[in-house]
């Protein structure tokens, strides 16, 4: 993984994230949770969590999913000077993981 902050001697400004969202079994509940947290607002998410976040709904047309995946891979795989960055794949399925992360982060957003 790239460690640009160490190389440039600075704190990270943000993290880039793309979430591939499976169509939920209860769309209304998911929509309510997302809207309540203002999680579709890029400016809000970036200011609050320091995450530049994008959504890719997997229920979209296959061509759109492929195009967006290709775009994000191209954008996030290299820096402008063509140095490899690296990407992580993280499953977001276990609430225990959320609870453990909250314990580590404490009151930080």
N, C-alpha and C. Protein backbone atom coordinates (compact mmCIF):
# COMPACT_ATOMS: atom_id res chain seq x y z
N UNK A 1 0.83 -1.19 0.00
CA UNK A 1 0.00 0.00 0.00
C UNK A 1 0.88 1.25 0.00
N UNK A 2 0.39 2.25 -0.68
CA UNK A 2 1.06 3.54 -0.70
C UNK A 2 0.98 4.19 0.68
N UNK A 3 2.00 4.90 1.07
CA UNK A 3 1.99 5.65 2.32
C UNK A 3 2.41 7.08 2.01
N UNK A 4 1.58 7.76 1.24
CA UNK A 4 1.91 9.09 0.75
C UNK A 4 2.13 10.07 1.88
N UNK A 5 1.39 9.89 2.98
CA UNK A 5 1.54 10.81 4.10
C UNK A 5 2.94 10.75 4.69
N UNK A 6 3.49 9.54 4.85
CA UNK A 6 4.86 9.40 5.36
C UNK A 6 5.86 9.94 4.35
N UNK A 7 5.62 9.66 3.07
CA UNK A 7 6.54 10.14 2.04
C UNK A 7 6.58 11.66 1.96
N UNK A 8 5.42 12.29 2.17
CA UNK A 8 5.34 13.74 2.06
C UNK A 8 5.36 14.44 3.41
N UNK A 9 5.46 13.66 4.51
CA UNK A 9 5.54 14.24 5.84
C UNK A 9 4.32 15.05 6.24
N UNK A 10 3.12 14.52 5.97
CA UNK A 10 1.89 15.24 6.30
C UNK A 10 0.84 14.27 6.80
N UNK A 11 -0.17 14.80 7.47
CA UNK A 11 -1.30 14.00 7.90
C UNK A 11 -2.20 13.71 6.70
N UNK A 12 -2.94 12.60 6.74
CA UNK A 12 -3.87 12.32 5.64
C UNK A 12 -5.00 13.36 5.62
N UNK A 13 -5.39 13.77 4.43
CA UNK A 13 -6.49 14.73 4.31
C UNK A 13 -7.83 14.00 4.38
N UNK A 14 -7.89 12.85 3.74
CA UNK A 14 -9.12 12.07 3.73
C UNK A 14 -8.78 10.68 3.22
N UNK A 15 -9.79 9.84 3.17
CA UNK A 15 -9.67 8.53 2.56
C UNK A 15 -10.74 8.45 1.48
N UNK A 16 -10.42 7.82 0.38
CA UNK A 16 -11.39 7.63 -0.70
C UNK A 16 -12.07 6.28 -0.49
N UNK A 17 -13.39 6.25 -0.66
CA UNK A 17 -14.13 5.00 -0.48
C UNK A 17 -15.22 4.88 -1.54
N UNK A 18 -15.35 3.69 -2.06
CA UNK A 18 -16.44 3.35 -2.97
C UNK A 18 -17.18 2.18 -2.34
N UNK A 19 -18.48 2.33 -2.15
CA UNK A 19 -19.28 1.27 -1.57
C UNK A 19 -20.17 0.68 -2.65
N UNK A 20 -20.01 -0.62 -2.87
CA UNK A 20 -20.87 -1.35 -3.80
C UNK A 20 -22.03 -1.88 -2.97
N UNK A 21 -23.23 -1.37 -3.22
CA UNK A 21 -24.38 -1.64 -2.37
C UNK A 21 -25.28 -2.68 -3.01
N UNK A 22 -25.52 -3.76 -2.28
CA UNK A 22 -26.46 -4.80 -2.71
C UNK A 22 -27.87 -4.30 -2.44
N UNK A 23 -28.79 -4.61 -3.32
CA UNK A 23 -30.18 -4.22 -3.08
C UNK A 23 -30.66 -4.84 -1.78
N UNK A 24 -31.13 -4.02 -0.83
CA UNK A 24 -31.52 -4.53 0.48
C UNK A 24 -32.85 -5.26 0.44
N UNK A 25 -33.05 -6.12 1.43
CA UNK A 25 -34.34 -6.81 1.53
C UNK A 25 -35.41 -5.84 2.04
N UNK A 26 -35.00 -4.79 2.75
CA UNK A 26 -35.93 -3.77 3.23
C UNK A 26 -35.44 -2.40 2.75
N UNK A 27 -35.74 -2.05 1.50
CA UNK A 27 -35.22 -0.79 0.94
C UNK A 27 -35.63 0.45 1.74
N UNK A 28 -36.84 0.46 2.29
CA UNK A 28 -37.30 1.64 3.03
C UNK A 28 -36.45 1.85 4.28
N UNK A 29 -36.12 0.78 4.98
CA UNK A 29 -35.31 0.91 6.20
C UNK A 29 -33.91 1.42 5.86
N UNK A 30 -33.33 0.88 4.79
CA UNK A 30 -31.99 1.33 4.38
C UNK A 30 -32.02 2.79 3.96
N UNK A 31 -33.02 3.16 3.17
CA UNK A 31 -33.13 4.55 2.73
C UNK A 31 -33.28 5.49 3.92
N UNK A 32 -34.07 5.08 4.91
CA UNK A 32 -34.24 5.90 6.11
C UNK A 32 -32.94 6.10 6.86
N UNK A 33 -32.17 5.03 7.01
CA UNK A 33 -30.89 5.11 7.72
C UNK A 33 -29.90 5.99 6.96
N UNK A 34 -29.87 5.83 5.65
CA UNK A 34 -28.94 6.62 4.84
C UNK A 34 -29.32 8.10 4.87
N UNK A 35 -30.60 8.38 4.72
CA UNK A 35 -31.04 9.77 4.70
C UNK A 35 -30.88 10.42 6.07
N UNK A 36 -31.15 9.67 7.15
CA UNK A 36 -31.02 10.22 8.50
C UNK A 36 -29.58 10.63 8.79
N UNK A 37 -28.64 9.86 8.29
CA UNK A 37 -27.23 10.17 8.51
C UNK A 37 -26.66 11.09 7.45
N UNK A 38 -27.49 11.50 6.50
CA UNK A 38 -27.05 12.37 5.40
C UNK A 38 -25.88 11.74 4.64
N UNK A 39 -25.92 10.42 4.49
CA UNK A 39 -24.79 9.69 3.92
C UNK A 39 -24.68 9.77 2.40
N UNK A 40 -25.67 10.35 1.74
CA UNK A 40 -25.57 10.52 0.29
C UNK A 40 -24.97 11.87 -0.09
N UNK A 41 -24.76 12.71 0.90
CA UNK A 41 -24.18 14.03 0.64
C UNK A 41 -22.66 13.94 0.74
N UNK A 42 -21.98 14.00 -0.42
CA UNK A 42 -20.51 13.93 -0.41
C UNK A 42 -19.90 15.02 0.45
N UNK A 43 -20.35 16.28 0.34
CA UNK A 43 -19.74 17.32 1.19
C UNK A 43 -19.91 17.03 2.68
N UNK A 44 -21.10 16.56 3.07
CA UNK A 44 -21.35 16.25 4.49
C UNK A 44 -20.46 15.10 4.96
N UNK A 45 -20.40 14.04 4.19
CA UNK A 45 -19.60 12.87 4.58
C UNK A 45 -18.12 13.24 4.65
N UNK A 46 -17.65 14.03 3.69
CA UNK A 46 -16.24 14.41 3.69
C UNK A 46 -15.91 15.31 4.89
N UNK A 47 -16.77 16.28 5.17
CA UNK A 47 -16.53 17.19 6.29
C UNK A 47 -16.65 16.49 7.64
N UNK A 48 -17.60 15.57 7.75
CA UNK A 48 -17.86 14.91 9.02
C UNK A 48 -16.89 13.77 9.30
N UNK A 49 -16.64 12.95 8.28
CA UNK A 49 -15.86 11.72 8.49
C UNK A 49 -14.49 11.72 7.80
N UNK A 50 -14.20 12.76 7.02
CA UNK A 50 -12.97 12.83 6.22
C UNK A 50 -12.89 11.65 5.25
N UNK A 51 -14.03 11.33 4.66
CA UNK A 51 -14.12 10.26 3.67
C UNK A 51 -14.72 10.84 2.40
N UNK A 52 -14.01 10.69 1.28
CA UNK A 52 -14.55 11.06 -0.02
C UNK A 52 -15.24 9.81 -0.55
N UNK A 53 -16.57 9.79 -0.40
CA UNK A 53 -17.32 8.54 -0.55
C UNK A 53 -18.23 8.55 -1.77
N UNK A 54 -18.26 7.41 -2.44
CA UNK A 54 -19.09 7.22 -3.63
C UNK A 54 -19.85 5.91 -3.49
N UNK A 55 -21.04 5.87 -4.07
CA UNK A 55 -21.90 4.68 -4.03
C UNK A 55 -22.02 4.08 -5.42
N UNK A 56 -22.02 2.74 -5.49
CA UNK A 56 -22.32 2.03 -6.73
C UNK A 56 -23.41 1.01 -6.40
N UNK A 57 -24.67 1.27 -6.78
CA UNK A 57 -25.73 0.32 -6.51
C UNK A 57 -25.61 -0.89 -7.45
N UNK A 58 -25.45 -2.06 -6.87
CA UNK A 58 -25.27 -3.27 -7.69
C UNK A 58 -26.53 -3.68 -8.43
N UNK A 59 -27.67 -3.09 -8.08
CA UNK A 59 -28.91 -3.36 -8.80
C UNK A 59 -29.02 -2.55 -10.08
N UNK A 60 -28.05 -1.70 -10.35
CA UNK A 60 -28.04 -0.91 -11.58
C UNK A 60 -27.77 -1.82 -12.77
N UNK A 61 -27.84 -1.25 -13.96
CA UNK A 61 -27.57 -2.06 -15.15
C UNK A 61 -26.14 -2.58 -15.09
N UNK A 62 -25.90 -3.80 -15.56
CA UNK A 62 -24.55 -4.36 -15.54
C UNK A 62 -23.52 -3.48 -16.25
N UNK A 63 -23.93 -2.84 -17.33
CA UNK A 63 -23.00 -1.97 -18.07
C UNK A 63 -22.57 -0.80 -17.18
N UNK A 64 -23.51 -0.21 -16.44
CA UNK A 64 -23.17 0.90 -15.55
C UNK A 64 -22.24 0.44 -14.43
N UNK A 65 -22.52 -0.72 -13.84
CA UNK A 65 -21.66 -1.24 -12.76
C UNK A 65 -20.24 -1.47 -13.28
N UNK A 66 -20.12 -2.05 -14.47
CA UNK A 66 -18.79 -2.28 -15.05
C UNK A 66 -18.10 -0.95 -15.34
N UNK A 67 -18.82 0.00 -15.92
CA UNK A 67 -18.22 1.30 -16.23
C UNK A 67 -17.75 2.03 -14.97
N UNK A 68 -18.58 2.03 -13.93
CA UNK A 68 -18.19 2.69 -12.69
C UNK A 68 -17.02 1.99 -12.02
N UNK A 69 -17.02 0.66 -12.05
CA UNK A 69 -15.91 -0.10 -11.46
C UNK A 69 -14.61 0.21 -12.20
N UNK A 70 -14.67 0.22 -13.50
CA UNK A 70 -13.49 0.55 -14.29
C UNK A 70 -13.00 1.96 -13.98
N UNK A 71 -13.92 2.89 -13.87
CA UNK A 71 -13.56 4.28 -13.56
C UNK A 71 -12.87 4.38 -12.21
N UNK A 72 -13.47 3.77 -11.17
CA UNK A 72 -12.89 3.88 -9.82
C UNK A 72 -11.54 3.18 -9.75
N UNK A 73 -11.42 2.04 -10.39
CA UNK A 73 -10.11 1.35 -10.39
C UNK A 73 -9.05 2.20 -11.06
N UNK A 74 -9.39 2.83 -12.16
CA UNK A 74 -8.43 3.69 -12.84
C UNK A 74 -8.07 4.90 -12.01
N UNK A 75 -9.04 5.47 -11.32
CA UNK A 75 -8.80 6.67 -10.53
C UNK A 75 -7.98 6.38 -9.28
N UNK A 76 -8.28 5.28 -8.60
CA UNK A 76 -7.67 5.01 -7.31
C UNK A 76 -6.46 4.11 -7.35
N UNK A 77 -6.13 3.52 -8.49
CA UNK A 77 -5.03 2.56 -8.52
C UNK A 77 -3.66 3.22 -8.64
N UNK A 78 -3.61 4.43 -9.18
CA UNK A 78 -2.33 5.13 -9.39
C UNK A 78 -2.45 6.59 -8.98
N UNK A 79 -1.33 7.15 -8.57
CA UNK A 79 -1.26 8.60 -8.37
C UNK A 79 -1.08 9.27 -9.72
N UNK A 80 -1.13 10.57 -9.73
CA UNK A 80 -0.96 11.32 -10.99
C UNK A 80 0.40 11.07 -11.62
N UNK A 81 1.40 10.78 -10.78
CA UNK A 81 2.75 10.51 -11.31
C UNK A 81 2.95 9.02 -11.63
N UNK A 82 1.84 8.28 -11.70
CA UNK A 82 1.79 6.87 -12.10
C UNK A 82 2.35 5.89 -11.07
N UNK A 83 2.56 6.33 -9.85
CA UNK A 83 2.99 5.44 -8.78
C UNK A 83 1.76 4.68 -8.29
N UNK A 84 1.90 3.36 -8.10
CA UNK A 84 0.80 2.54 -7.62
C UNK A 84 0.36 3.00 -6.24
N UNK A 85 -0.94 3.02 -6.00
CA UNK A 85 -1.48 3.38 -4.70
C UNK A 85 -1.88 2.13 -3.93
N UNK A 86 -2.82 1.40 -4.45
CA UNK A 86 -3.33 0.22 -3.76
C UNK A 86 -4.76 0.43 -3.30
N UNK A 87 -5.49 -0.67 -3.18
CA UNK A 87 -6.88 -0.63 -2.77
C UNK A 87 -7.14 -1.77 -1.81
N UNK A 88 -8.14 -1.59 -0.96
CA UNK A 88 -8.58 -2.63 -0.04
C UNK A 88 -10.01 -3.00 -0.35
N UNK A 89 -10.34 -4.25 -0.10
CA UNK A 89 -11.73 -4.70 -0.19
C UNK A 89 -12.14 -5.09 1.22
N UNK A 90 -13.20 -4.44 1.73
CA UNK A 90 -13.65 -4.68 3.09
C UNK A 90 -15.12 -5.05 3.06
N UNK A 91 -15.45 -6.21 3.58
CA UNK A 91 -16.85 -6.64 3.69
C UNK A 91 -17.51 -5.86 4.82
N UNK A 92 -18.68 -5.31 4.57
CA UNK A 92 -19.42 -4.56 5.58
C UNK A 92 -20.69 -5.33 5.94
N UNK A 93 -20.51 -6.47 6.58
CA UNK A 93 -21.68 -7.31 6.84
C UNK A 93 -21.88 -7.68 8.30
N UNK A 94 -20.89 -7.49 9.15
CA UNK A 94 -20.97 -7.97 10.52
C UNK A 94 -21.04 -6.80 11.49
N UNK A 95 -22.17 -6.67 12.20
CA UNK A 95 -22.35 -5.57 13.15
C UNK A 95 -21.28 -5.60 14.23
N UNK A 96 -20.77 -6.77 14.58
CA UNK A 96 -19.72 -6.85 15.59
C UNK A 96 -18.48 -6.07 15.15
N UNK A 97 -18.22 -6.05 13.84
CA UNK A 97 -17.10 -5.26 13.33
C UNK A 97 -17.34 -3.77 13.58
N UNK A 98 -18.57 -3.32 13.38
CA UNK A 98 -18.90 -1.91 13.64
C UNK A 98 -18.69 -1.58 15.11
N UNK A 99 -19.16 -2.47 15.99
CA UNK A 99 -19.01 -2.24 17.43
C UNK A 99 -17.54 -2.20 17.83
N UNK A 100 -16.73 -3.08 17.26
CA UNK A 100 -15.29 -3.10 17.56
C UNK A 100 -14.63 -1.81 17.07
N UNK A 101 -15.02 -1.35 15.89
CA UNK A 101 -14.45 -0.10 15.36
C UNK A 101 -14.82 1.08 16.25
N UNK A 102 -16.08 1.12 16.71
CA UNK A 102 -16.49 2.20 17.61
C UNK A 102 -15.68 2.19 18.90
N UNK A 103 -15.40 1.00 19.42
CA UNK A 103 -14.62 0.89 20.65
C UNK A 103 -13.21 1.44 20.44
N UNK A 104 -12.63 1.18 19.28
CA UNK A 104 -11.28 1.67 18.99
C UNK A 104 -11.30 3.18 18.79
N UNK A 105 -12.31 3.67 18.07
CA UNK A 105 -12.37 5.09 17.74
C UNK A 105 -12.85 5.96 18.90
N UNK A 106 -13.57 5.35 19.84
CA UNK A 106 -14.13 6.13 20.94
C UNK A 106 -15.19 7.07 20.43
N UNK A 107 -15.08 8.33 20.77
CA UNK A 107 -16.10 9.29 20.37
C UNK A 107 -15.79 9.97 19.05
N UNK A 108 -14.71 9.57 18.40
CA UNK A 108 -14.36 10.18 17.12
C UNK A 108 -15.34 9.74 16.05
N UNK A 109 -15.69 10.66 15.11
CA UNK A 109 -16.61 10.25 14.02
C UNK A 109 -15.94 9.30 13.06
